[in-house]
PDB file of N, CA and C in Angstrom:
ATOM      1  N   MET A   1     -77.823  77.988 182.249  1.00  0.00           N
ATOM      2  CA  MET A   1     -76.733  76.863 182.438  1.00  0.00           C
ATOM      3  C   MET A   1     -75.848  77.473 183.959  1.00  0.00           C
ATOM      4  N   THR A   2     -75.634  76.323 184.393  1.00  0.00           N
ATOM      5  CA  THR A   2     -74.721  76.454 185.759  1.00  0.00           C
ATOM      6  C   THR A   2     -73.319  76.394 185.359  1.00  0.00           C
ATOM      7  N   GLN A   3     -72.503  77.203 185.791  1.00  0.00           N
ATOM      8  CA  GLN A   3     -71.113  77.638 185.218  1.00  0.00           C
ATOM      9  C   GLN A   3     -70.604  76.927 186.410  1.00  0.00           C
ATOM     10  N   VAL A   4     -68.953  76.738 185.366  1.00  0.00           N
ATOM     11  CA  VAL A   4     -67.816  75.793 187.018  1.00  0.00           C
ATOM     12  C   VAL A   4     -67.614  76.334 188.064  1.00  0.00           C
ATOM     13  N   GLY A   5     -67.633  75.710 189.596  1.00  0.00           N
ATOM     14  CA  GLY A   5     -67.389  76.403 190.291  1.00  0.00           C
ATOM     15  C   GLY A   5     -68.965  77.674 191.022  1.00  0.00           C
ATOM     16  N   GLN A   6     -70.132  77.050 190.368  1.00  0.00           N
ATOM     17  CA  GLN A   6     -71.707  77.960 191.245  1.00  0.00           C
ATOM     18  C   GLN A   6     -71.505  76.395 191.219  1.00  0.00           C
ATOM     19  N   PRO A   7     -72.764  77.254 192.754  1.00  0.00           N
ATOM     20  CA  PRO A   7     -73.785  75.831 192.988  1.00  0.00           C
ATOM     21  C   PRO A   7     -74.542  74.992 192.028  1.00  0.00           C
ATOM     22  N   ALA A   8     -74.912  74.154 192.380  1.00  0.00           N
ATOM     23  CA  ALA A   8     -75.810  73.655 191.427  1.00  0.00           C
ATOM     24  C   ALA A   8     -77.327  73.939 192.187  1.00  0.00           C
ATOM     25  N   PRO A   9     -78.198  74.043 190.956  1.00  0.00           N
ATOM     26  CA  PRO A   9     -79.489  73.832 191.382  1.00  0.00           C
ATOM     27  C   PRO A   9     -80.170  72.982 192.198  1.00  0.00           C
ATOM     28  N   ASP A  10     -80.849  73.664 192.659  1.00  0.00           N
ATOM     29  CA  ASP A  10     -81.963  72.393 193.561  1.00  0.00           C
ATOM     30  C   ASP A  10     -82.614  71.513 192.618  1.00  0.00           C
ATOM     31  N   PHE A  11     -82.662  70.078 192.617  1.00  0.00           N
ATOM     32  CA  PHE A  11     -83.608  69.594 191.939  1.00  0.00           C
ATOM     33  C   PHE A  11     -83.759  68.162 191.943  1.00  0.00           C
ATOM     34  N   GLU A  12     -85.201  67.130 191.682  1.00  0.00           N
ATOM     35  CA  GLU A  12     -85.687  66.070 192.586  1.00  0.00           C
ATOM     36  C   GLU A  12     -85.366  65.114 191.347  1.00  0.00           C
ATOM     37  N   LEU A  13     -84.897  64.259 192.270  1.00  0.00           N
ATOM     38  CA  LEU A  13     -84.687  62.844 190.886  1.00  0.00           C
ATOM     39  C   LEU A  13     -85.305  61.434 191.645  1.00  0.00           C
ATOM     40  N   GLY A  14     -85.509  60.627 191.270  1.00  0.00           N
ATOM     41  CA  GLY A  14     -86.058  58.882 191.618  1.00  0.00           C
ATOM     42  C   GLY A  14     -84.660  58.400 192.175  1.00  0.00           C
ATOM     43  N   ASP A  15     -84.711  57.502 193.274  1.00  0.00           N
ATOM     44  CA  ASP A  15     -83.483  56.317 193.032  1.00  0.00           C
ATOM     45  C   ASP A  15     -83.836  55.473 192.691  1.00  0.00           C
ATOM     46  N   GLN A  16     -83.022  54.412 193.248  1.00  0.00           N
ATOM     47  CA  GLN A  16     -82.959  52.918 192.100  1.00  0.00           C
ATOM     48  C   GLN A  16     -84.315  52.278 192.573  1.00  0.00           C
ATOM     49  N   PHE A  17     -84.519  53.272 193.889  1.00  0.00           N
ATOM     50  CA  PHE A  17     -85.863  52.325 194.471  1.00  0.00           C
ATOM     51  C   PHE A  17     -87.446  53.385 194.495  1.00  0.00           C
ATOM     52  N   ASP A  18     -87.065  54.121 193.195  1.00  0.00           N
ATOM     53  CA  ASP A  18     -88.049  55.120 192.988  1.00  0.00           C
ATOM     54  C   ASP A  18     -89.052  56.239 194.322  1.00  0.00           C
ATOM     55  N   ARG A  19     -87.915  56.506 195.469  1.00  0.00           N
ATOM     56  CA  ARG A  19     -87.760  57.472 195.891  1.00  0.00           C
ATOM     57  C   ARG A  19     -87.513  58.457 195.635  1.00  0.00           C
ATOM     58  N   LYS A  20     -88.703  59.445 196.024  1.00  0.00           N
ATOM     59  CA  LYS A  20     -87.623  60.827 195.602  1.00  0.00           C
ATOM     60  C   LYS A  20     -86.848  61.707 196.249  1.00  0.00           C
ATOM     61  N   ILE A  21     -85.590  61.847 195.568  1.00  0.00           N
ATOM     62  CA  ILE A  21     -84.431  62.496 196.457  1.00  0.00           C
ATOM     63  C   ILE A  21     -84.425  63.675 195.811  1.00  0.00           C
ATOM     64  N   LYS A  22     -84.317  64.298 197.103  1.00  0.00           N
ATOM     65  CA  LYS A  22     -84.066  66.415 196.397  1.00  0.00           C
ATOM     66  C   LYS A  22     -82.128  66.209 196.659  1.00  0.00           C
ATOM     67  N   LEU A  23     -81.373  67.544 195.859  1.00  0.00           N
ATOM     68  CA  LEU A  23     -80.549  67.657 196.314  1.00  0.00           C
ATOM     69  C   LEU A  23     -79.998  68.560 197.412  1.00  0.00           C
ATOM     70  N   SER A  24     -81.154  69.548 197.843  1.00  0.00           N
ATOM     71  CA  SER A  24     -80.545  70.051 199.051  1.00  0.00           C
ATOM     72  C   SER A  24     -81.009  69.198 200.035  1.00  0.00           C
ATOM     73  N   SER A  25     -81.405  67.974 200.769  1.00  0.00           N
ATOM     74  CA  SER A  25     -81.622  67.133 201.240  1.00  0.00           C
ATOM     75  C   SER A  25     -80.395  67.419 201.664  1.00  0.00           C
ATOM     76  N   PHE A  26     -79.370  67.105 200.923  1.00  0.00           N
ATOM     77  CA  PHE A  26     -77.966  66.837 201.648  1.00  0.00           C
ATOM     78  C   PHE A  26     -77.230  68.146 201.820  1.00  0.00           C
ATOM     79  N   LYS A  27     -77.518  69.025 201.560  1.00  0.00           N
ATOM     80  CA  LYS A  27     -76.825  70.075 202.287  1.00  0.00           C
ATOM     81  C   LYS A  27     -76.169  69.907 203.552  1.00  0.00           C
ATOM     82  N   GLY A  28     -75.151  70.419 203.890  1.00  0.00           N
ATOM     83  CA  GLY A  28     -74.041  70.777 204.608  1.00  0.00           C
ATOM     84  C   GLY A  28     -74.246  69.207 205.768  1.00  0.00           C
ATOM     85  N   LYS A  29     -74.301  68.151 204.274  1.00  0.00           N
ATOM     86  CA  LYS A  29     -74.348  66.970 205.648  1.00  0.00           C
ATOM     87  C   LYS A  29     -73.194  65.849 204.911  1.00  0.00           C
ATOM     88  N   CYS A  30     -72.714  66.211 203.382  1.00  0.00           N
ATOM     89  CA  CYS A  30     -71.856  65.243 202.732  1.00  0.00           C
ATOM     90  C   CYS A  30     -71.745  66.145 201.718  1.00  0.00           C
ATOM     91  N   ASN A  31     -70.585  65.116 200.838  1.00  0.00           N
ATOM     92  CA  ASN A  31     -70.770  65.745 199.272  1.00  0.00           C
ATOM     93  C   ASN A  31     -72.042  65.195 198.828  1.00  0.00           C
ATOM     94  N   VAL A  32     -71.975  65.451 196.969  1.00  0.00           N
ATOM     95  CA  VAL A  32     -72.832  64.539 196.737  1.00  0.00           C
ATOM     96  C   VAL A  32     -72.176  64.290 194.944  1.00  0.00           C
ATOM     97  N   MET A  33     -72.259  63.279 194.276  1.00  0.00           N
ATOM     98  CA  MET A  33     -71.233  63.298 192.702  1.00  0.00           C
ATOM     99  C   MET A  33     -72.863  62.799 192.211  1.00  0.00           C
ATOM    100  N   LEU A  34     -73.248  63.316 190.986  1.00  0.00           N
ATOM    101  CA  LEU A  34     -74.245  62.995 190.207  1.00  0.00           C
ATOM    102  C   LEU A  34     -73.452  62.021 188.744  1.00  0.00           C
ATOM    103  N   LEU A  35     -73.609  60.799 188.458  1.00  0.00           N
ATOM    104  CA  LEU A  35     -73.493  60.306 187.324  1.00  0.00           C
ATOM    105  C   LEU A  35     -74.262  60.075 186.693  1.00  0.00           C
ATOM    106  N   PHE A  36     -73.908  59.945 185.447  1.00  0.00           N
ATOM    107  CA  PHE A  36     -74.899  59.313 184.406  1.00  0.00           C
ATOM    108  C   PHE A  36     -73.965  58.364 183.388  1.00  0.00           C
ATOM    109  N   TYR A  37     -74.493  57.614 183.128  1.00  0.00           N
ATOM    110  CA  TYR A  37     -73.804  56.256 182.025  1.00  0.00           C
ATOM    111  C   TYR A  37     -75.006  55.853 181.320  1.00  0.00           C
ATOM    112  N   PRO A  38     -74.198  55.390 179.760  1.00  0.00           N
ATOM    113  CA  PRO A  38     -75.997  54.084 179.429  1.00  0.00           C
ATOM    114  C   PRO A  38     -76.226  53.383 180.016  1.00  0.00           C
ATOM    115  N   LEU A  39     -77.026  52.995 179.650  1.00  0.00           N
ATOM    116  CA  LEU A  39     -77.727  51.734 179.911  1.00  0.00           C
ATOM    117  C   LEU A  39     -76.770  50.199 180.197  1.00  0.00           C
ATOM    118  N   ASP A  40     -76.524  49.450 180.767  1.00  0.00           N
ATOM    119  CA  ASP A  40     -75.525  48.337 180.246  1.00  0.00           C
ATOM    120  C   ASP A  40     -75.840  47.580 179.152  1.00  0.00           C
ATOM    121  N   TRP A  41     -76.849  47.976 178.764  1.00  0.00           N
ATOM    122  CA  TRP A  41     -77.289  46.497 177.775  1.00  0.00           C
ATOM    123  C   TRP A  41     -77.160  47.494 176.472  1.00  0.00           C
ATOM    124  N   THR A  42     -76.583  48.489 176.011  1.00  0.00           N
ATOM    125  CA  THR A  42     -76.736  49.385 175.071  1.00  0.00           C
ATOM    126  C   THR A  42     -75.435  49.988 175.005  1.00  0.00           C
ATOM    127  N   PRO A  43     -75.027  49.568 173.586  1.00  0.00           N
ATOM    128  CA  PRO A  43     -73.835  50.022 172.523  1.00  0.00           C
ATOM    129  C   PRO A  43     -73.270  51.107 173.025  1.00  0.00           C
ATOM    130  N   THR A  44     -72.032  51.363 173.147  1.00  0.00           N
ATOM    131  CA  THR A  44     -71.890  52.773 173.786  1.00  0.00           C
ATOM    132  C   THR A  44     -69.638  53.152 172.622  1.00  0.00           C
TER     133      THR A  44
END
């Protein structure tokens, strides 16, 4: 488990166009914020 203040482990996800994006591809270029939210049509 990653602790607060520690670097995030490298991972790969698909974007909205199903292109593979790696966290490491942003290193040194910009800040990254990763958000998760329920689908818009589900009750919360």
